[in-house]
Amino acid sequence: MLRLPHDDALIDIMQRLNDLQPDSLVADTSVALALAEEQIAAHLQIGPQALICTSLTLSDVDRRRLRDAFGVAPRCVLGSPETGALGAECGMSPGVHLDEDLAIVETVDEANRPVPTGEPGAKILVTVLFSRTVPLIRYELAEPARLLDGPCPCGRDTPRLDRLGDACD
């Protein structure tokens, strides 16, 4: 694994990626989109088998741009610097599979009252289960979402969260 700081010069990042020819690419959404432009312009020439975007959600336009550039459908990871990764898309259906062993994720209304599964919530509250030094209890992520009901076609039975607005779906 090669970790490249996102604040390195884009030309340096591209050179290292061209040299490495990674099987997978995990990047902040804004960095992935900048790399996609360079891939389309043929300054970057990599063929990852997996593309994971973090930080921002993907619009349909951005999702198509990344797929066109890298030849693989991007997947989103839900999380924040404070909470870490909370789950990821499976690619077979809308929503993010939540990692229940890492955090408790609640969808709530504006007054932090839980909303029923399937109903839209105003925001997400996260209780992190793995941090022993900095406990986060009902940490607010100001992003509208809803918990999805029913099984996922992929077969996983973990809860799924559908992000609303500029959704990652």
N, C-alpha and C. Protein backbone atom coordinates (compact mmCIF):
# COMPACT_ATOMS: atom_id res chain seq x y z
N MET A 1 0.84 -1.17 0.00
CA MET A 1 0.00 0.00 0.00
C MET A 1 0.89 1.23 0.00
N LEU A 2 0.53 2.17 -0.82
CA LEU A 2 1.24 3.43 -0.89
C LEU A 2 0.28 4.53 -0.49
N ARG A 3 0.63 5.30 0.52
CA ARG A 3 -0.20 6.43 0.95
C ARG A 3 0.42 7.70 0.40
N LEU A 4 -0.40 8.47 -0.30
CA LEU A 4 0.06 9.73 -0.88
C LEU A 4 -0.73 10.87 -0.25
N PRO A 5 -0.04 11.82 0.35
CA PRO A 5 -0.77 12.97 0.92
C PRO A 5 -1.53 13.71 -0.18
N HIS A 6 -2.78 14.05 0.10
CA HIS A 6 -3.59 14.71 -0.92
C HIS A 6 -3.10 16.12 -1.22
N ASP A 7 -2.23 16.67 -0.36
CA ASP A 7 -1.72 18.00 -0.64
C ASP A 7 -0.39 17.98 -1.39
N ASP A 8 0.10 16.78 -1.78
CA ASP A 8 1.25 16.70 -2.67
C ASP A 8 0.85 17.28 -4.03
N ALA A 9 1.84 17.72 -4.79
CA ALA A 9 1.56 18.25 -6.13
C ALA A 9 0.93 17.14 -6.99
N LEU A 10 -0.08 17.48 -7.76
CA LEU A 10 -0.79 16.51 -8.58
C LEU A 10 0.17 15.80 -9.53
N ILE A 11 1.13 16.50 -10.07
CA ILE A 11 2.09 15.88 -10.99
C ILE A 11 2.90 14.80 -10.28
N ASP A 12 3.25 15.02 -9.01
CA ASP A 12 3.99 14.01 -8.23
C ASP A 12 3.11 12.81 -7.92
N ILE A 13 1.86 13.05 -7.58
CA ILE A 13 0.94 11.95 -7.31
C ILE A 13 0.76 11.10 -8.57
N MET A 14 0.58 11.75 -9.70
CA MET A 14 0.38 11.02 -10.96
C MET A 14 1.60 10.18 -11.30
N GLN A 15 2.80 10.74 -11.12
CA GLN A 15 4.02 9.99 -11.42
C GLN A 15 4.13 8.73 -10.56
N ARG A 16 3.84 8.89 -9.28
CA ARG A 16 3.92 7.74 -8.37
C ARG A 16 2.87 6.69 -8.73
N LEU A 17 1.67 7.13 -9.07
CA LEU A 17 0.62 6.19 -9.46
C LEU A 17 0.96 5.49 -10.78
N ASN A 18 1.49 6.23 -11.75
CA ASN A 18 1.90 5.62 -13.01
C ASN A 18 3.00 4.58 -12.78
N ASP A 19 3.91 4.87 -11.86
CA ASP A 19 4.98 3.91 -11.55
C ASP A 19 4.44 2.67 -10.84
N LEU A 20 3.53 2.87 -9.92
CA LEU A 20 3.00 1.78 -9.09
C LEU A 20 1.99 0.91 -9.83
N GLN A 21 1.16 1.51 -10.68
CA GLN A 21 0.06 0.80 -11.35
C GLN A 21 -0.81 0.05 -10.33
N PRO A 22 -1.49 0.80 -9.47
CA PRO A 22 -2.24 0.17 -8.37
C PRO A 22 -3.44 -0.65 -8.85
N ASP A 23 -3.72 -1.74 -8.11
CA ASP A 23 -4.91 -2.55 -8.37
C ASP A 23 -6.17 -1.84 -7.88
N SER A 24 -6.01 -1.02 -6.84
CA SER A 24 -7.15 -0.28 -6.32
C SER A 24 -6.70 1.13 -5.96
N LEU A 25 -7.66 2.03 -5.97
CA LEU A 25 -7.39 3.43 -5.66
C LEU A 25 -8.44 3.90 -4.66
N VAL A 26 -7.98 4.38 -3.52
CA VAL A 26 -8.85 4.97 -2.50
C VAL A 26 -8.45 6.43 -2.40
N ALA A 27 -9.41 7.31 -2.64
CA ALA A 27 -9.08 8.73 -2.66
C ALA A 27 -10.26 9.58 -2.21
N ASP A 28 -9.94 10.73 -1.66
CA ASP A 28 -10.94 11.75 -1.42
C ASP A 28 -11.63 12.02 -2.75
N THR A 29 -12.92 12.23 -2.72
CA THR A 29 -13.68 12.42 -3.96
C THR A 29 -13.10 13.53 -4.83
N SER A 30 -12.71 14.65 -4.24
CA SER A 30 -12.17 15.76 -5.04
C SER A 30 -10.85 15.37 -5.70
N VAL A 31 -10.02 14.59 -5.02
CA VAL A 31 -8.76 14.13 -5.61
C VAL A 31 -9.04 13.11 -6.71
N ALA A 32 -9.99 12.20 -6.47
CA ALA A 32 -10.34 11.21 -7.50
C ALA A 32 -10.83 11.89 -8.77
N LEU A 33 -11.61 12.96 -8.63
CA LEU A 33 -12.10 13.68 -9.80
C LEU A 33 -10.97 14.39 -10.54
N ALA A 34 -10.01 14.96 -9.81
CA ALA A 34 -8.85 15.59 -10.45
C ALA A 34 -8.02 14.54 -11.19
N LEU A 35 -7.84 13.38 -10.57
CA LEU A 35 -7.10 12.30 -11.23
C LEU A 35 -7.85 11.79 -12.46
N ALA A 36 -9.17 11.77 -12.41
CA ALA A 36 -9.96 11.35 -13.57
C ALA A 36 -9.71 12.26 -14.76
N GLU A 37 -9.63 13.56 -14.51
CA GLU A 37 -9.35 14.49 -15.61
C GLU A 37 -7.98 14.20 -16.22
N GLU A 38 -7.02 13.90 -15.38
CA GLU A 38 -5.67 13.59 -15.89
C GLU A 38 -5.65 12.24 -16.63
N GLN A 39 -6.45 11.29 -16.16
CA GLN A 39 -6.55 9.99 -16.84
C GLN A 39 -7.17 10.17 -18.22
N ILE A 40 -8.20 10.98 -18.32
CA ILE A 40 -8.85 11.25 -19.60
C ILE A 40 -7.89 11.96 -20.55
N ALA A 41 -7.06 12.86 -20.01
CA ALA A 41 -6.07 13.58 -20.82
C ALA A 41 -4.83 12.73 -21.11
N ALA A 42 -4.78 11.50 -20.60
CA ALA A 42 -3.69 10.54 -20.80
C ALA A 42 -2.39 10.93 -20.10
N HIS A 43 -2.45 11.84 -19.13
CA HIS A 43 -1.28 12.13 -18.31
C HIS A 43 -1.13 11.08 -17.21
N LEU A 44 -2.25 10.53 -16.80
CA LEU A 44 -2.29 9.42 -15.85
C LEU A 44 -2.76 8.21 -16.62
N GLN A 45 -2.08 7.08 -16.44
CA GLN A 45 -2.45 5.88 -17.18
C GLN A 45 -2.42 4.68 -16.24
N ILE A 46 -3.51 4.54 -15.48
CA ILE A 46 -3.63 3.42 -14.55
C ILE A 46 -4.94 2.69 -14.83
N GLY A 47 -5.03 1.46 -14.37
CA GLY A 47 -6.24 0.66 -14.58
C GLY A 47 -6.67 -0.04 -13.31
N PRO A 48 -7.08 0.72 -12.29
CA PRO A 48 -7.47 0.07 -11.04
C PRO A 48 -8.70 -0.82 -11.23
N GLN A 49 -8.74 -1.92 -10.48
CA GLN A 49 -9.89 -2.82 -10.49
C GLN A 49 -10.97 -2.34 -9.53
N ALA A 50 -10.60 -1.46 -8.59
CA ALA A 50 -11.54 -0.91 -7.62
C ALA A 50 -11.23 0.56 -7.40
N LEU A 51 -12.28 1.35 -7.27
CA LEU A 51 -12.15 2.78 -7.01
C LEU A 51 -13.09 3.13 -5.85
N ILE A 52 -12.51 3.55 -4.74
CA ILE A 52 -13.27 3.90 -3.54
C ILE A 52 -13.12 5.40 -3.30
N CYS A 53 -14.25 6.08 -3.17
CA CYS A 53 -14.25 7.52 -2.91
C CYS A 53 -14.69 7.79 -1.48
N THR A 54 -13.99 8.69 -0.85
CA THR A 54 -14.28 9.07 0.53
C THR A 54 -14.59 10.56 0.58
N SER A 55 -15.08 11.00 1.69
CA SER A 55 -15.29 12.40 2.00
C SER A 55 -16.58 12.95 1.43
N LEU A 56 -16.61 13.32 0.18
CA LEU A 56 -17.82 13.89 -0.42
C LEU A 56 -18.67 12.79 -1.04
N THR A 57 -19.95 13.05 -1.15
CA THR A 57 -20.80 12.13 -1.89
C THR A 57 -20.63 12.38 -3.37
N LEU A 58 -21.06 11.43 -4.19
CA LEU A 58 -20.90 11.53 -5.63
C LEU A 58 -22.23 11.86 -6.30
N SER A 59 -22.21 12.87 -7.15
CA SER A 59 -23.38 13.13 -7.98
C SER A 59 -23.36 12.10 -9.12
N ASP A 60 -24.48 11.97 -9.81
CA ASP A 60 -24.53 11.05 -10.94
C ASP A 60 -23.52 11.45 -12.02
N VAL A 61 -23.33 12.75 -12.22
CA VAL A 61 -22.37 13.24 -13.22
C VAL A 61 -20.95 12.84 -12.83
N ASP A 62 -20.60 13.05 -11.56
CA ASP A 62 -19.25 12.68 -11.10
C ASP A 62 -19.05 11.17 -11.17
N ARG A 63 -20.06 10.43 -10.82
CA ARG A 63 -19.98 8.96 -10.86
C ARG A 63 -19.69 8.48 -12.29
N ARG A 64 -20.40 9.05 -13.27
CA ARG A 64 -20.17 8.69 -14.68
C ARG A 64 -18.78 9.11 -15.12
N ARG A 65 -18.33 10.30 -14.69
CA ARG A 65 -17.00 10.79 -15.08
C ARG A 65 -15.91 9.85 -14.59
N LEU A 66 -16.02 9.41 -13.35
CA LEU A 66 -15.04 8.48 -12.78
C LEU A 66 -15.08 7.14 -13.50
N ARG A 67 -16.27 6.64 -13.78
CA ARG A 67 -16.40 5.36 -14.49
C ARG A 67 -15.79 5.46 -15.88
N ASP A 68 -16.06 6.56 -16.59
CA ASP A 68 -15.49 6.76 -17.92
C ASP A 68 -13.97 6.84 -17.87
N ALA A 69 -13.44 7.49 -16.86
CA ALA A 69 -11.99 7.68 -16.77
C ALA A 69 -11.25 6.40 -16.41
N PHE A 70 -11.77 5.66 -15.44
CA PHE A 70 -11.03 4.51 -14.91
C PHE A 70 -11.59 3.16 -15.32
N GLY A 71 -12.76 3.15 -15.98
CA GLY A 71 -13.31 1.89 -16.46
C GLY A 71 -13.89 1.00 -15.37
N VAL A 72 -14.12 1.56 -14.20
CA VAL A 72 -14.69 0.81 -13.09
C VAL A 72 -15.65 1.73 -12.34
N ALA A 73 -16.75 1.15 -11.86
CA ALA A 73 -17.73 1.96 -11.13
C ALA A 73 -17.18 2.33 -9.76
N PRO A 74 -17.20 3.61 -9.41
CA PRO A 74 -16.72 4.01 -8.08
C PRO A 74 -17.71 3.61 -7.01
N ARG A 75 -17.18 3.35 -5.83
CA ARG A 75 -18.00 3.06 -4.66
C ARG A 75 -17.67 4.08 -3.59
N CYS A 76 -18.66 4.41 -2.78
CA CYS A 76 -18.48 5.39 -1.71
C CYS A 76 -18.34 4.70 -0.37
N VAL A 77 -17.60 5.34 0.50
CA VAL A 77 -17.46 4.94 1.89
C VAL A 77 -18.07 6.05 2.73
N LEU A 78 -18.90 5.68 3.69
CA LEU A 78 -19.49 6.64 4.62
C LEU A 78 -18.59 6.75 5.83
N GLY A 79 -18.32 7.96 6.26
CA GLY A 79 -17.51 8.17 7.45
C GLY A 79 -17.08 9.61 7.55
N SER A 80 -16.27 9.86 8.54
CA SER A 80 -15.71 11.19 8.75
C SER A 80 -14.37 11.02 9.44
N PRO A 81 -13.55 12.07 9.46
CA PRO A 81 -12.27 11.95 10.19
C PRO A 81 -12.48 11.60 11.66
N GLU A 82 -13.58 12.06 12.24
CA GLU A 82 -13.82 11.81 13.66
C GLU A 82 -14.32 10.39 13.92
N THR A 83 -15.17 9.88 13.02
CA THR A 83 -15.78 8.57 13.25
C THR A 83 -15.06 7.42 12.58
N GLY A 84 -14.21 7.73 11.60
CA GLY A 84 -13.63 6.68 10.78
C GLY A 84 -14.68 6.17 9.81
N ALA A 85 -14.34 5.10 9.10
CA ALA A 85 -15.27 4.53 8.13
C ALA A 85 -16.40 3.81 8.86
N LEU A 86 -17.61 4.07 8.41
CA LEU A 86 -18.80 3.47 9.03
C LEU A 86 -19.42 2.40 8.16
N GLY A 87 -19.12 2.41 6.88
CA GLY A 87 -19.68 1.43 5.96
C GLY A 87 -19.37 1.81 4.54
N ALA A 88 -19.77 0.93 3.61
CA ALA A 88 -19.46 1.15 2.20
C ALA A 88 -20.58 0.61 1.32
N GLU A 89 -20.66 1.16 0.13
CA GLU A 89 -21.60 0.66 -0.86
C GLU A 89 -21.19 -0.75 -1.29
N CYS A 90 -22.18 -1.55 -1.63
CA CYS A 90 -21.87 -2.87 -2.19
C CYS A 90 -21.91 -2.81 -3.71
N GLY A 91 -22.62 -1.85 -4.27
CA GLY A 91 -22.70 -1.71 -5.71
C GLY A 91 -23.88 -2.43 -6.33
N MET A 92 -24.59 -3.26 -5.56
CA MET A 92 -25.73 -3.99 -6.11
C MET A 92 -27.06 -3.29 -5.85
N SER A 93 -27.08 -2.37 -4.91
CA SER A 93 -28.32 -1.67 -4.60
C SER A 93 -27.97 -0.33 -3.97
N PRO A 94 -28.96 0.56 -3.87
CA PRO A 94 -28.69 1.85 -3.21
C PRO A 94 -28.32 1.64 -1.75
N GLY A 95 -27.60 2.58 -1.23
CA GLY A 95 -27.30 2.58 0.19
C GLY A 95 -25.91 2.07 0.51
N VAL A 96 -25.57 2.29 1.76
CA VAL A 96 -24.27 1.92 2.32
C VAL A 96 -24.50 0.85 3.38
N HIS A 97 -23.79 -0.26 3.26
CA HIS A 97 -23.85 -1.30 4.30
C HIS A 97 -23.08 -0.78 5.51
N LEU A 98 -23.74 -0.74 6.65
CA LEU A 98 -23.11 -0.25 7.87
C LEU A 98 -22.35 -1.37 8.58
N ASP A 99 -21.19 -1.04 9.13
CA ASP A 99 -20.41 -1.99 9.92
C ASP A 99 -20.87 -1.86 11.37
N GLU A 100 -21.80 -2.72 11.77
CA GLU A 100 -22.41 -2.64 13.10
C GLU A 100 -21.42 -2.86 14.24
N ASP A 101 -20.33 -3.54 13.96
CA ASP A 101 -19.36 -3.78 15.03
C ASP A 101 -18.46 -2.57 15.28
N LEU A 102 -18.51 -1.55 14.41
CA LEU A 102 -17.69 -0.36 14.58
C LEU A 102 -18.44 0.81 15.18
N ALA A 103 -19.75 0.89 14.90
CA ALA A 103 -20.50 2.06 15.36
C ALA A 103 -21.99 1.79 15.35
N ILE A 104 -22.69 2.54 16.17
CA ILE A 104 -24.15 2.58 16.14
C ILE A 104 -24.53 3.83 15.36
N VAL A 105 -25.29 3.65 14.29
CA VAL A 105 -25.69 4.76 13.43
C VAL A 105 -27.20 4.92 13.54
N GLU A 106 -27.62 6.13 13.89
CA GLU A 106 -29.04 6.44 14.04
C GLU A 106 -29.43 7.52 13.04
N THR A 107 -30.63 7.40 12.47
CA THR A 107 -31.20 8.51 11.71
C THR A 107 -32.22 9.17 12.63
N VAL A 108 -32.14 10.50 12.69
CA VAL A 108 -32.97 11.26 13.64
C VAL A 108 -33.56 12.49 12.96
N ASP A 109 -34.56 13.07 13.64
CA ASP A 109 -35.14 14.32 13.15
C ASP A 109 -34.33 15.50 13.67
N GLU A 110 -34.80 16.72 13.45
CA GLU A 110 -34.06 17.93 13.84
C GLU A 110 -33.84 18.00 15.36
N ALA A 111 -34.71 17.36 16.14
CA ALA A 111 -34.61 17.39 17.61
C ALA A 111 -33.89 16.15 18.16
N ASN A 112 -33.20 15.43 17.31
CA ASN A 112 -32.44 14.22 17.67
C ASN A 112 -33.31 13.06 18.14
N ARG A 113 -34.57 13.03 17.71
CA ARG A 113 -35.45 11.91 18.00
C ARG A 113 -35.33 10.89 16.88
N PRO A 114 -35.18 9.60 17.21
CA PRO A 114 -35.06 8.56 16.17
C PRO A 114 -36.26 8.57 15.23
N VAL A 115 -35.99 8.32 13.95
CA VAL A 115 -37.05 8.16 12.97
C VAL A 115 -37.13 6.68 12.60
N PRO A 116 -38.31 6.19 12.25
CA PRO A 116 -38.45 4.77 11.91
C PRO A 116 -37.68 4.40 10.65
N THR A 117 -37.29 3.13 10.57
CA THR A 117 -36.64 2.60 9.37
C THR A 117 -37.52 2.91 8.16
N GLY A 118 -36.89 3.36 7.10
CA GLY A 118 -37.60 3.71 5.88
C GLY A 118 -38.03 5.15 5.80
N GLU A 119 -38.04 5.86 6.93
CA GLU A 119 -38.44 7.27 6.96
C GLU A 119 -37.20 8.16 6.86
N PRO A 120 -37.28 9.28 6.12
CA PRO A 120 -36.12 10.17 6.04
C PRO A 120 -35.84 10.86 7.37
N GLY A 121 -34.57 10.94 7.70
CA GLY A 121 -34.13 11.67 8.88
C GLY A 121 -33.39 12.93 8.48
N ALA A 122 -33.35 13.89 9.37
CA ALA A 122 -32.68 15.16 9.10
C ALA A 122 -31.16 15.06 9.19
N LYS A 123 -30.68 14.08 9.98
CA LYS A 123 -29.24 13.94 10.18
C LYS A 123 -28.94 12.56 10.73
N ILE A 124 -27.66 12.28 10.89
CA ILE A 124 -27.17 11.00 11.38
C ILE A 124 -26.47 11.25 12.71
N LEU A 125 -26.72 10.38 13.68
CA LEU A 125 -25.97 10.40 14.94
C LEU A 125 -25.17 9.11 15.01
N VAL A 126 -23.89 9.23 15.40
CA VAL A 126 -22.98 8.09 15.41
C VAL A 126 -22.38 7.91 16.79
N THR A 127 -22.47 6.70 17.31
CA THR A 127 -21.75 6.33 18.53
C THR A 127 -20.67 5.34 18.13
N VAL A 128 -19.43 5.75 18.29
CA VAL A 128 -18.28 4.94 17.89
C VAL A 128 -18.00 3.89 18.97
N LEU A 129 -17.85 2.63 18.57
CA LEU A 129 -17.66 1.53 19.51
C LEU A 129 -16.21 1.11 19.68
N PHE A 130 -15.30 1.61 18.84
CA PHE A 130 -13.94 1.11 18.86
C PHE A 130 -12.92 2.05 19.49
N SER A 131 -13.27 3.29 19.76
CA SER A 131 -12.31 4.25 20.29
C SER A 131 -12.34 4.24 21.82
N ARG A 132 -11.21 3.92 22.42
CA ARG A 132 -11.12 3.90 23.87
C ARG A 132 -10.55 5.20 24.44
N THR A 133 -9.95 6.00 23.59
CA THR A 133 -9.33 7.23 24.09
C THR A 133 -10.22 8.45 23.93
N VAL A 134 -10.99 8.50 22.85
CA VAL A 134 -11.88 9.64 22.62
C VAL A 134 -13.27 9.09 22.32
N PRO A 135 -14.08 8.91 23.34
CA PRO A 135 -15.42 8.36 23.08
C PRO A 135 -16.29 9.38 22.34
N LEU A 136 -16.96 8.89 21.31
CA LEU A 136 -17.92 9.71 20.57
C LEU A 136 -19.28 9.07 20.77
N ILE A 137 -20.17 9.80 21.43
CA ILE A 137 -21.50 9.29 21.70
C ILE A 137 -22.52 10.21 21.06
N ARG A 138 -23.27 9.65 20.11
CA ARG A 138 -24.27 10.40 19.34
C ARG A 138 -23.65 11.64 18.66
N TYR A 139 -22.51 11.42 18.05
CA TYR A 139 -21.81 12.46 17.30
C TYR A 139 -22.61 12.79 16.04
N GLU A 140 -22.85 14.06 15.80
CA GLU A 140 -23.72 14.48 14.71
C GLU A 140 -22.98 14.62 13.39
N LEU A 141 -23.53 13.94 12.38
CA LEU A 141 -23.14 14.16 10.99
C LEU A 141 -24.35 14.81 10.33
N ALA A 142 -24.23 16.05 9.95
CA ALA A 142 -25.36 16.82 9.43
C ALA A 142 -25.64 16.44 7.98
N GLU A 143 -26.14 15.22 7.82
CA GLU A 143 -26.43 14.72 6.48
C GLU A 143 -27.77 13.98 6.52
N PRO A 144 -28.74 14.41 5.73
CA PRO A 144 -30.02 13.71 5.70
C PRO A 144 -29.84 12.27 5.21
N ALA A 145 -30.55 11.35 5.84
CA ALA A 145 -30.42 9.94 5.47
C ALA A 145 -31.62 9.16 5.99
N ARG A 146 -31.72 7.93 5.53
CA ARG A 146 -32.75 7.01 6.06
C ARG A 146 -32.18 5.61 6.08
N LEU A 147 -32.59 4.85 7.10
CA LEU A 147 -32.24 3.44 7.15
C LEU A 147 -33.17 2.70 6.21
N LEU A 148 -32.61 1.81 5.39
CA LEU A 148 -33.40 1.07 4.42
C LEU A 148 -33.93 -0.21 5.03
N ASP A 149 -35.10 -0.59 4.61
CA ASP A 149 -35.74 -1.81 5.10
C ASP A 149 -35.58 -2.90 4.04
N GLY A 150 -35.51 -4.12 4.48
CA GLY A 150 -35.46 -5.25 3.56
C GLY A 150 -34.05 -5.67 3.22
N PRO A 151 -33.93 -6.89 2.67
CA PRO A 151 -32.60 -7.43 2.35
C PRO A 151 -31.97 -6.77 1.13
N CYS A 152 -30.67 -6.81 1.08
CA CYS A 152 -29.92 -6.32 -0.08
C CYS A 152 -29.74 -7.49 -1.05
N PRO A 153 -29.79 -7.24 -2.35
CA PRO A 153 -29.59 -8.31 -3.33
C PRO A 153 -28.22 -8.99 -3.23
N CYS A 154 -27.25 -8.33 -2.60
CA CYS A 154 -25.92 -8.93 -2.50
C CYS A 154 -25.87 -10.06 -1.46
N GLY A 155 -26.89 -10.13 -0.59
CA GLY A 155 -26.92 -11.19 0.41
C GLY A 155 -26.48 -10.77 1.80
N ARG A 156 -25.79 -9.64 1.93
CA ARG A 156 -25.40 -9.17 3.26
C ARG A 156 -26.63 -8.73 4.02
N ASP A 157 -26.66 -9.04 5.31
CA ASP A 157 -27.84 -8.68 6.10
C ASP A 157 -27.58 -7.54 7.06
N THR A 158 -26.51 -6.80 6.87
CA THR A 158 -26.24 -5.65 7.72
C THR A 158 -27.18 -4.51 7.35
N PRO A 159 -27.47 -3.63 8.30
CA PRO A 159 -28.32 -2.47 7.98
C PRO A 159 -27.70 -1.64 6.86
N ARG A 160 -28.57 -1.02 6.08
CA ARG A 160 -28.12 -0.13 5.00
C ARG A 160 -28.66 1.25 5.25
N LEU A 161 -27.84 2.24 4.94
CA LEU A 161 -28.20 3.63 5.09
C LEU A 161 -28.23 4.27 3.71
N ASP A 162 -29.33 4.93 3.40
CA ASP A 162 -29.48 5.64 2.13
C ASP A 162 -29.27 7.11 2.41
N ARG A 163 -28.24 7.69 1.83
CA ARG A 163 -27.96 9.11 2.02
C ARG A 163 -28.83 9.90 1.04
N LEU A 164 -29.48 10.92 1.55
CA LEU A 164 -30.41 11.72 0.75
C LEU A 164 -29.72 13.00 0.29
N GLY A 165 -30.31 13.69 -0.65
CA GLY A 165 -29.67 14.89 -1.20
C GLY A 165 -28.73 14.49 -2.31
N ASP A 166 -27.47 14.94 -2.26
CA ASP A 166 -26.46 14.52 -3.23
C ASP A 166 -26.04 13.11 -2.85
N ALA A 167 -26.92 12.17 -3.06
CA ALA A 167 -26.75 10.82 -2.53
C ALA A 167 -25.62 10.08 -3.23
N CYS A 168 -25.07 9.17 -2.51
CA CYS A 168 -24.02 8.29 -2.99
C CYS A 168 -24.69 7.02 -3.47
N ASP A 169 -25.52 7.13 -4.50
CA ASP A 169 -26.20 5.94 -4.99
C ASP A 169 -26.40 6.02 -6.50
